[in-house]
Amino acid sequence: MKLIFFSLKEIALLSKTLSADYLTSFCWSCIIIYEIKNNEILIRLAYIKVFQMDKYEFTCFLMKKNHIEYSDIVDIGCRDRKLKEYLSDNINYFGIDVSNESNCDEIIDISQKTRFLDRQFQLLIALDVAEHTDNIYFAISEMLRISKVCIIALPNMYKFGMRLRFVMGRTLCNKYALSIKNALSDGYRHRWIFTPDEAISFMKQVAKNKNYDMTFYYYYAELRWPLNYLQYLLPANLSAEALYFILKPTNK
């Protein structure tokens, strides 16, 4: 009995025969479709990375999937304003960051009370930001205060690759390293390390306390090496690169 694995191109062609709802149910890390023909097992992997989304493409996808309407956006931790490249030209974009090395519109620390009015922005994006703050609860609360809808991404530092690095005695990532750069930097290093379940539980509690509805999605990193394909055979808590949370005010 011979195993046949389909290429990404073949998977993409296969995916065109699947319904849109099937392709957009991204809560699962991997869907295995198989059939037996002439004693051969044909295995097709259909998963979120069929289209190789980077985190900004995935963010824009979530906006459309959740029918988020906005004409202005505040990008927390904007760095080089990469997100702006993925937005329509008619969107009023405002980027903030704590680093004076960033290409932001204004240097602002979201973990402190900001000058912005309540719900001043229609949409707030914070990708890999909250884990850099000492008071993560206040930082997320401030994000909710100044916007109508929030998309917040938190990293999964418990994924398989990170666990393997830990077992091998290597640094999880530079943002956890004991280095002069981290010691002297206000916003570069991570302050928190948490499991996906802890992140989900925490964000659910924040949403409950602030009277918000919360949904979440797993995001899977781009496939850079052949061995990366194996991560999609693992549960989401071992394979996902990050968790994306969408918070909207509860309608009463």
C-alpha atoms as a PDB file:
ATOM      1  CA  MET A   1       0.000   0.000   0.000  1.00  0.00           C
ATOM      2  CA  LYS A   2       1.531   3.290  -1.126  1.00  0.00           C
ATOM      3  CA  LEU A   3       1.037   6.723   0.459  1.00  0.00           C
ATOM      4  CA  ILE A   4       0.532   9.650  -1.887  1.00  0.00           C
ATOM      5  CA  PHE A   5       0.801  13.189  -0.531  1.00  0.00           C
ATOM      6  CA  PHE A   6      -0.538  16.016  -2.652  1.00  0.00           C
ATOM      7  CA  SER A   7       1.405  19.196  -3.270  1.00  0.00           C
ATOM      8  CA  LEU A   8       0.186  22.623  -2.114  1.00  0.00           C
ATOM      9  CA  LYS A   9      -0.795  23.438  -5.706  1.00  0.00           C
ATOM     10  CA  GLU A  10      -2.870  20.278  -5.938  1.00  0.00           C
ATOM     11  CA  ILE A  11      -4.430  21.008  -2.546  1.00  0.00           C
ATOM     12  CA  ALA A  12      -5.348  24.501  -3.714  1.00  0.00           C
ATOM     13  CA  LEU A  13      -7.029  23.039  -6.805  1.00  0.00           C
ATOM     14  CA  LEU A  14      -8.871  20.574  -4.601  1.00  0.00           C
ATOM     15  CA  SER A  15      -9.985  23.360  -2.281  1.00  0.00           C
ATOM     16  CA  LYS A  16     -11.828  25.070  -5.148  1.00  0.00           C
ATOM     17  CA  THR A  17     -14.286  22.182  -5.150  1.00  0.00           C
ATOM     18  CA  LEU A  18     -15.090  22.747  -1.469  1.00  0.00           C
ATOM     19  CA  SER A  19     -17.752  25.114  -0.232  1.00  0.00           C
ATOM     20  CA  ALA A  20     -16.860  28.563   1.091  1.00  0.00           C
ATOM     21  CA  ASP A  21     -18.183  27.625   4.527  1.00  0.00           C
ATOM     22  CA  TYR A  22     -15.877  24.630   4.591  1.00  0.00           C
ATOM     23  CA  LEU A  23     -12.844  26.750   3.767  1.00  0.00           C
ATOM     24  CA  THR A  24     -13.665  29.437   6.315  1.00  0.00           C
ATOM     25  CA  SER A  25     -14.171  27.191   9.324  1.00  0.00           C
ATOM     26  CA  PHE A  26     -10.654  27.872  10.535  1.00  0.00           C
ATOM     27  CA  CYS A  27     -11.003  26.649  14.131  1.00  0.00           C
ATOM     28  CA  TRP A  28      -9.319  23.367  13.217  1.00  0.00           C
ATOM     29  CA  SER A  29      -5.621  23.034  12.618  1.00  0.00           C
ATOM     30  CA  CYS A  30      -5.889  20.350   9.967  1.00  0.00           C
ATOM     31  CA  ILE A  31      -8.566  18.527   8.022  1.00  0.00           C
ATOM     32  CA  ILE A  32      -7.526  15.228   6.489  1.00  0.00           C
ATOM     33  CA  ILE A  33      -9.491  14.020   3.480  1.00  0.00           C
ATOM     34  CA  TYR A  34      -8.673  10.536   2.347  1.00  0.00           C
ATOM     35  CA  GLU A  35      -9.979   7.871   0.049  1.00  0.00           C
ATOM     36  CA  ILE A  36      -8.828   4.401  -0.906  1.00  0.00           C
ATOM     37  CA  LYS A  37      -8.428   3.561  -4.575  1.00  0.00           C
ATOM     38  CA  ASN A  38      -6.733   0.485  -5.929  1.00  0.00           C
ATOM     39  CA  ASN A  39      -5.103  -0.203  -2.558  1.00  0.00           C
ATOM     40  CA  GLU A  40      -3.604   3.295  -2.487  1.00  0.00           C
ATOM     41  CA  ILE A  41      -4.425   5.789   0.228  1.00  0.00           C
ATOM     42  CA  LEU A  42      -4.854   9.233  -1.254  1.00  0.00           C
ATOM     43  CA  ILE A  43      -4.300  11.830   1.430  1.00  0.00           C
ATOM     44  CA  ARG A  44      -5.200  15.454   0.955  1.00  0.00           C
ATOM     45  CA  LEU A  45      -4.521  18.079   3.576  1.00  0.00           C
ATOM     46  CA  ALA A  46      -6.944  20.991   3.564  1.00  0.00           C
ATOM     47  CA  TYR A  47      -6.153  23.650   6.106  1.00  0.00           C
ATOM     48  CA  ILE A  48      -5.921  27.391   6.597  1.00  0.00           C
ATOM     49  CA  LYS A  49      -2.479  27.717   5.026  1.00  0.00           C
ATOM     50  CA  VAL A  50      -3.662  26.575   1.624  1.00  0.00           C
ATOM     51  CA  PHE A  51      -3.447  30.215   0.657  1.00  0.00           C
ATOM     52  CA  GLN A  52      -0.359  30.997   2.777  1.00  0.00           C
ATOM     53  CA  MET A  53      -1.833  33.935   4.672  1.00  0.00           C
ATOM     54  CA  ASP A  54       0.541  36.081   6.670  1.00  0.00           C
ATOM     55  CA  LYS A  55      -0.766  37.603   9.893  1.00  0.00           C
ATOM     56  CA  TYR A  56      -1.897  40.810   8.193  1.00  0.00           C
ATOM     57  CA  GLU A  57      -3.827  38.952   5.496  1.00  0.00           C
ATOM     58  CA  PHE A  58      -5.380  36.828   8.219  1.00  0.00           C
ATOM     59  CA  THR A  59      -6.388  39.977  10.117  1.00  0.00           C
ATOM     60  CA  CYS A  60      -8.092  41.386   7.032  1.00  0.00           C
ATOM     61  CA  PHE A  61      -9.777  38.044   6.440  1.00  0.00           C
ATOM     62  CA  LEU A  62     -11.221  38.121   9.967  1.00  0.00           C
ATOM     63  CA  MET A  63     -12.578  41.622   9.362  1.00  0.00           C
ATOM     64  CA  LYS A  64     -14.527  40.321   6.367  1.00  0.00           C
ATOM     65  CA  LYS A  65     -15.571  37.063   7.998  1.00  0.00           C
ATOM     66  CA  ASN A  66     -17.006  38.901  11.005  1.00  0.00           C
ATOM     67  CA  HIS A  67     -18.578  41.677   8.906  1.00  0.00           C
ATOM     68  CA  ILE A  68     -16.637  44.424  10.656  1.00  0.00           C
ATOM     69  CA  GLU A  69     -17.405  47.809   9.134  1.00  0.00           C
ATOM     70  CA  TYR A  70     -14.939  50.626   9.694  1.00  0.00           C
ATOM     71  CA  SER A  71     -13.658  53.809   8.101  1.00  0.00           C
ATOM     72  CA  ASP A  72     -10.870  54.460  10.591  1.00  0.00           C
ATOM     73  CA  ILE A  73      -8.444  52.188  12.396  1.00  0.00           C
ATOM     74  CA  VAL A  74      -5.851  52.509  15.128  1.00  0.00           C
ATOM     75  CA  ASP A  75      -2.913  50.121  14.888  1.00  0.00           C
ATOM     76  CA  ILE A  76      -1.350  49.487  18.305  1.00  0.00           C
ATOM     77  CA  GLY A  77       2.342  48.598  18.119  1.00  0.00           C
ATOM     78  CA  CYS A  78       2.400  49.544  14.441  1.00  0.00           C
ATOM     79  CA  ARG A  79       6.198  49.275  13.992  1.00  0.00           C
ATOM     80  CA  ASP A  80       6.764  49.879  10.247  1.00  0.00           C
ATOM     81  CA  ARG A  81       3.040  50.385   9.489  1.00  0.00           C
ATOM     82  CA  LYS A  82       2.930  47.107   7.566  1.00  0.00           C
ATOM     83  CA  LEU A  83      -0.776  46.635   8.241  1.00  0.00           C
ATOM     84  CA  LYS A  84      -1.570  49.835   6.331  1.00  0.00           C
ATOM     85  CA  GLU A  85      -0.372  48.207   3.107  1.00  0.00           C
ATOM     86  CA  TYR A  86      -3.254  45.720   3.364  1.00  0.00           C
ATOM     87  CA  LEU A  87      -5.982  48.323   3.859  1.00  0.00           C
ATOM     88  CA  SER A  88      -7.979  50.314   1.338  1.00  0.00           C
ATOM     89  CA  ASP A  89      -6.704  53.797   0.549  1.00  0.00           C
ATOM     90  CA  ASN A  90      -9.907  55.354   1.883  1.00  0.00           C
ATOM     91  CA  ILE A  91      -9.330  53.993   5.416  1.00  0.00           C
ATOM     92  CA  ASN A  92      -8.140  56.574   7.932  1.00  0.00           C
ATOM     93  CA  TYR A  93      -5.124  54.833   9.487  1.00  0.00           C
ATOM     94  CA  PHE A  94      -3.437  55.906  12.728  1.00  0.00           C
ATOM     95  CA  GLY A  95      -0.452  53.999  14.095  1.00  0.00           C
ATOM     96  CA  ILE A  96       0.941  54.209  17.618  1.00  0.00           C
ATOM     97  CA  ASP A  97       3.930  52.569  19.261  1.00  0.00           C
ATOM     98  CA  VAL A  98       6.117  52.939  22.355  1.00  0.00           C
ATOM     99  CA  SER A  99       9.348  52.800  20.379  1.00  0.00           C
ATOM    100  CA  ASN A 100      10.935  55.923  18.916  1.00  0.00           C
ATOM    101  CA  GLU A 101      12.473  53.644  16.287  1.00  0.00           C
ATOM    102  CA  SER A 102       9.041  52.831  14.850  1.00  0.00           C
ATOM    103  CA  ASN A 103       7.354  54.621  11.978  1.00  0.00           C
ATOM    104  CA  CYS A 104       4.324  55.601  14.048  1.00  0.00           C
ATOM    105  CA  ASP A 105       2.080  58.644  13.967  1.00  0.00           C
ATOM    106  CA  GLU A 106       2.489  59.148  17.700  1.00  0.00           C
ATOM    107  CA  ILE A 107       4.454  57.531  20.510  1.00  0.00           C
ATOM    108  CA  ILE A 108       1.889  56.313  23.032  1.00  0.00           C
ATOM    109  CA  ASP A 109       2.023  53.632  25.717  1.00  0.00           C
ATOM    110  CA  ILE A 110      -1.247  51.705  25.615  1.00  0.00           C
ATOM    111  CA  SER A 111      -0.598  50.363  29.117  1.00  0.00           C
ATOM    112  CA  GLN A 112      -1.132  53.917  30.402  1.00  0.00           C
ATOM    113  CA  LYS A 113      -4.246  56.073  30.218  1.00  0.00           C
ATOM    114  CA  THR A 114      -4.242  57.611  26.734  1.00  0.00           C
ATOM    115  CA  ARG A 115      -5.581  60.939  25.474  1.00  0.00           C
ATOM    116  CA  PHE A 116      -8.156  59.294  23.212  1.00  0.00           C
ATOM    117  CA  LEU A 117     -11.892  59.626  23.769  1.00  0.00           C
ATOM    118  CA  ASP A 118     -14.143  56.684  24.578  1.00  0.00           C
ATOM    119  CA  ARG A 119     -14.756  54.639  21.409  1.00  0.00           C
ATOM    120  CA  GLN A 120     -12.946  57.207  19.308  1.00  0.00           C
ATOM    121  CA  PHE A 121     -11.883  54.591  16.737  1.00  0.00           C
ATOM    122  CA  GLN A 122     -14.184  52.236  14.899  1.00  0.00           C
ATOM    123  CA  LEU A 123     -11.584  49.457  14.839  1.00  0.00           C
ATOM    124  CA  LEU A 124      -8.473  48.733  16.868  1.00  0.00           C
ATOM    125  CA  ILE A 125      -5.813  46.202  15.864  1.00  0.00           C
ATOM    126  CA  ALA A 126      -3.206  44.977  18.348  1.00  0.00           C
ATOM    127  CA  LEU A 127      -1.051  42.179  16.930  1.00  0.00           C
ATOM    128  CA  ASP A 128       1.450  40.750  19.422  1.00  0.00           C
ATOM    129  CA  VAL A 129       1.259  43.769  21.715  1.00  0.00           C
ATOM    130  CA  ALA A 130      -0.498  42.920  24.993  1.00  0.00           C
ATOM    131  CA  GLU A 131       2.153  40.407  26.087  1.00  0.00           C
ATOM    132  CA  HIS A 132       4.714  43.249  26.057  1.00  0.00           C
ATOM    133  CA  THR A 133       2.870  45.190  28.777  1.00  0.00           C
ATOM    134  CA  ASP A 134       3.308  44.857  32.534  1.00  0.00           C
ATOM    135  CA  ASN A 135      -0.361  45.471  33.298  1.00  0.00           C
ATOM    136  CA  ILE A 136      -1.949  43.402  30.549  1.00  0.00           C
ATOM    137  CA  TYR A 137      -5.458  43.744  31.964  1.00  0.00           C
ATOM    138  CA  PHE A 138      -5.302  47.544  31.960  1.00  0.00           C
ATOM    139  CA  ALA A 139      -3.746  47.618  28.485  1.00  0.00           C
ATOM    140  CA  ILE A 140      -6.551  45.531  26.987  1.00  0.00           C
ATOM    141  CA  SER A 141      -9.140  47.529  28.937  1.00  0.00           C
ATOM    142  CA  GLU A 142      -7.739  50.730  27.426  1.00  0.00           C
ATOM    143  CA  MET A 143      -7.915  49.175  23.960  1.00  0.00           C
ATOM    144  CA  LEU A 144     -11.584  48.399  24.524  1.00  0.00           C
ATOM    145  CA  ARG A 145     -12.271  51.876  25.873  1.00  0.00           C
ATOM    146  CA  ILE A 146     -10.944  53.797  22.876  1.00  0.00           C
ATOM    147  CA  SER A 147     -12.481  51.635  20.131  1.00  0.00           C
ATOM    148  CA  LYS A 148     -15.773  50.095  19.081  1.00  0.00           C
ATOM    149  CA  VAL A 149     -14.316  46.768  17.937  1.00  0.00           C
ATOM    150  CA  CYS A 150     -10.973  45.172  18.833  1.00  0.00           C
ATOM    151  CA  ILE A 151      -8.887  42.483  17.156  1.00  0.00           C
ATOM    152  CA  ILE A 152      -6.169  41.356  19.540  1.00  0.00           C
ATOM    153  CA  ALA A 153      -3.565  38.697  18.748  1.00  0.00           C
ATOM    154  CA  LEU A 154      -1.639  36.844  21.455  1.00  0.00           C
ATOM    155  CA  PRO A 155       1.269  34.484  20.720  1.00  0.00           C
ATOM    156  CA  ASN A 156       1.260  30.766  21.444  1.00  0.00           C
ATOM    157  CA  MET A 157       4.568  30.213  23.198  1.00  0.00           C
ATOM    158  CA  TYR A 158       3.568  26.625  24.019  1.00  0.00           C
ATOM    159  CA  LYS A 159       3.624  25.439  20.424  1.00  0.00           C
ATOM    160  CA  PHE A 160       5.672  22.354  19.636  1.00  0.00           C
ATOM    161  CA  GLY A 161       8.683  24.232  18.284  1.00  0.00           C
ATOM    162  CA  MET A 162       8.990  26.316  21.453  1.00  0.00           C
ATOM    163  CA  ARG A 163       8.656  23.247  23.677  1.00  0.00           C
ATOM    164  CA  LEU A 164      11.409  21.571  21.698  1.00  0.00           C
ATOM    165  CA  ARG A 165      13.672  24.604  22.117  1.00  0.00           C
ATOM    166  CA  PHE A 166      13.073  24.513  25.863  1.00  0.00           C
ATOM    167  CA  VAL A 167      13.907  20.797  26.097  1.00  0.00           C
ATOM    168  CA  MET A 168      17.098  21.412  24.113  1.00  0.00           C
ATOM    169  CA  GLY A 169      18.134  24.172  26.528  1.00  0.00           C
ATOM    170  CA  ARG A 170      17.730  26.983  24.018  1.00  0.00           C
ATOM    171  CA  THR A 171      16.149  30.402  24.486  1.00  0.00           C
ATOM    172  CA  LEU A 172      12.438  30.337  23.642  1.00  0.00           C
ATOM    173  CA  CYS A 173      12.865  33.496  21.578  1.00  0.00           C
ATOM    174  CA  ASN A 174      14.889  36.707  21.736  1.00  0.00           C
ATOM    175  CA  LYS A 175      12.073  38.493  23.515  1.00  0.00           C
ATOM    176  CA  TYR A 176      12.550  36.260  26.556  1.00  0.00           C
ATOM    177  CA  ALA A 177      16.348  36.353  26.540  1.00  0.00           C
ATOM    178  CA  LEU A 178      18.340  37.868  29.397  1.00  0.00           C
ATOM    179  CA  SER A 179      20.116  40.481  27.316  1.00  0.00           C
ATOM    180  CA  ILE A 180      21.200  44.091  27.570  1.00  0.00           C
ATOM    181  CA  LYS A 181      18.712  45.008  24.836  1.00  0.00           C
ATOM    182  CA  ASN A 182      15.823  43.511  26.795  1.00  0.00           C
ATOM    183  CA  ALA A 183      17.043  44.985  30.074  1.00  0.00           C
ATOM    184  CA  LEU A 184      17.211  48.509  28.664  1.00  0.00           C
ATOM    185  CA  SER A 185      14.156  48.371  26.396  1.00  0.00           C
ATOM    186  CA  ASP A 186      10.747  49.461  27.636  1.00  0.00           C
ATOM    187  CA  GLY A 187       8.626  47.617  25.107  1.00  0.00           C
ATOM    188  CA  TYR A 188      10.643  44.976  23.259  1.00  0.00           C
ATOM    189  CA  ARG A 189      10.651  42.029  25.657  1.00  0.00           C
ATOM    190  CA  HIS A 190       7.694  39.828  26.542  1.00  0.00           C
ATOM    191  CA  ARG A 191       6.360  40.119  30.082  1.00  0.00           C
ATOM    192  CA  TRP A 192       4.032  37.135  29.914  1.00  0.00           C
ATOM    193  CA  ILE A 193       4.128  33.501  28.874  1.00  0.00           C
ATOM    194  CA  PHE A 194       0.830  31.621  28.841  1.00  0.00           C
ATOM    195  CA  THR A 195      -0.829  28.565  27.360  1.00  0.00           C
ATOM    196  CA  PRO A 196      -3.544  28.917  24.703  1.00  0.00           C
ATOM    197  CA  ASP A 197      -6.129  27.779  27.249  1.00  0.00           C
ATOM    198  CA  GLU A 198      -4.964  30.449  29.693  1.00  0.00           C
ATOM    199  CA  ALA A 199      -5.179  33.102  26.974  1.00  0.00           C
ATOM    200  CA  ILE A 200      -8.713  32.049  26.041  1.00  0.00           C
ATOM    201  CA  SER A 201      -9.821  31.935  29.685  1.00  0.00           C
ATOM    202  CA  PHE A 202      -8.280  35.350  30.404  1.00  0.00           C
ATOM    203  CA  MET A 203      -9.843  37.012  27.372  1.00  0.00           C
ATOM    204  CA  LYS A 204     -13.237  35.481  28.180  1.00  0.00           C
ATOM    205  CA  GLN A 205     -13.027  36.985  31.665  1.00  0.00           C
ATOM    206  CA  VAL A 206     -11.992  40.385  30.292  1.00  0.00           C
ATOM    207  CA  ALA A 207     -14.910  40.300  27.855  1.00  0.00           C
ATOM    208  CA  LYS A 208     -17.312  39.352  30.636  1.00  0.00           C
ATOM    209  CA  ASN A 209     -16.049  42.104  32.951  1.00  0.00           C
ATOM    210  CA  LYS A 210     -16.310  44.731  30.200  1.00  0.00           C
ATOM    211  CA  ASN A 211     -19.632  43.480  28.807  1.00  0.00           C
ATOM    212  CA  TYR A 212     -18.183  42.416  25.452  1.00  0.00           C
ATOM    213  CA  ASP A 213     -18.775  39.439  23.197  1.00  0.00           C
ATOM    214  CA  MET A 214     -15.609  37.538  22.359  1.00  0.00           C
ATOM    215  CA  THR A 215     -14.763  35.062  19.617  1.00  0.00           C
ATOM    216  CA  PHE A 216     -11.342  33.603  18.865  1.00  0.00           C
ATOM    217  CA  TYR A 217      -9.457  31.938  16.042  1.00  0.00           C
ATOM    218  CA  TYR A 218      -6.190  30.048  15.731  1.00  0.00           C
ATOM    219  CA  TYR A 219      -3.615  31.375  13.306  1.00  0.00           C
ATOM    220  CA  TYR A 220      -1.006  29.115  11.731  1.00  0.00           C
ATOM    221  CA  ALA A 221       2.342  30.453  10.588  1.00  0.00           C
ATOM    222  CA  GLU A 222       3.564  30.404   7.018  1.00  0.00           C
ATOM    223  CA  LEU A 223       5.255  27.207   5.885  1.00  0.00           C
ATOM    224  CA  ARG A 224       8.923  28.006   5.448  1.00  0.00           C
ATOM    225  CA  TRP A 225      10.422  24.526   5.750  1.00  0.00           C
ATOM    226  CA  PRO A 226       9.174  21.069   4.662  1.00  0.00           C
ATOM    227  CA  LEU A 227       9.071  19.855   8.276  1.00  0.00           C
ATOM    228  CA  ASN A 228       6.626  22.650   9.090  1.00  0.00           C
ATOM    229  CA  TYR A 229       3.934  20.590   7.373  1.00  0.00           C
ATOM    230  CA  LEU A 230       4.041  18.149  10.294  1.00  0.00           C
ATOM    231  CA  GLN A 231       2.692  20.816  12.658  1.00  0.00           C
ATOM    232  CA  TYR A 232      -0.751  20.513  11.077  1.00  0.00           C
ATOM    233  CA  LEU A 233      -1.016  16.940  12.325  1.00  0.00           C
ATOM    234  CA  LEU A 234      -0.789  18.261  15.896  1.00  0.00           C
ATOM    235  CA  PRO A 235      -3.577  19.722  18.049  1.00  0.00           C
ATOM    236  CA  ALA A 236      -4.068  23.472  17.756  1.00  0.00           C
ATOM    237  CA  ASN A 237      -2.419  24.229  21.108  1.00  0.00           C
ATOM    238  CA  LEU A 238       0.780  22.606  19.805  1.00  0.00           C
ATOM    239  CA  SER A 239       0.714  23.931  16.251  1.00  0.00           C
ATOM    240  CA  ALA A 240      -0.936  27.373  16.184  1.00  0.00           C
ATOM    241  CA  GLU A 241       1.325  30.399  15.932  1.00  0.00           C
ATOM    242  CA  ALA A 242      -1.107  32.744  17.676  1.00  0.00           C
ATOM    243  CA  LEU A 243      -4.669  33.263  18.846  1.00  0.00           C
ATOM    244  CA  TYR A 244      -6.789  36.086  17.469  1.00  0.00           C
ATOM    245  CA  PHE A 245      -9.565  37.514  19.624  1.00  0.00           C
ATOM    246  CA  ILE A 246     -12.390  39.674  18.298  1.00  0.00           C
ATOM    247  CA  LEU A 247     -14.218  41.721  20.920  1.00  0.00           C
ATOM    248  CA  LYS A 248     -17.456  43.585  20.238  1.00  0.00           C
ATOM    249  CA  PRO A 249     -19.773  45.329  22.719  1.00  0.00           C
ATOM    250  CA  THR A 250     -22.617  43.078  23.818  1.00  0.00           C
ATOM    251  CA  ASN A 251     -25.901  44.117  22.244  1.00  0.00           C
ATOM    252  CA  LYS A 252     -28.767  44.402  24.684  1.00  0.00           C
END
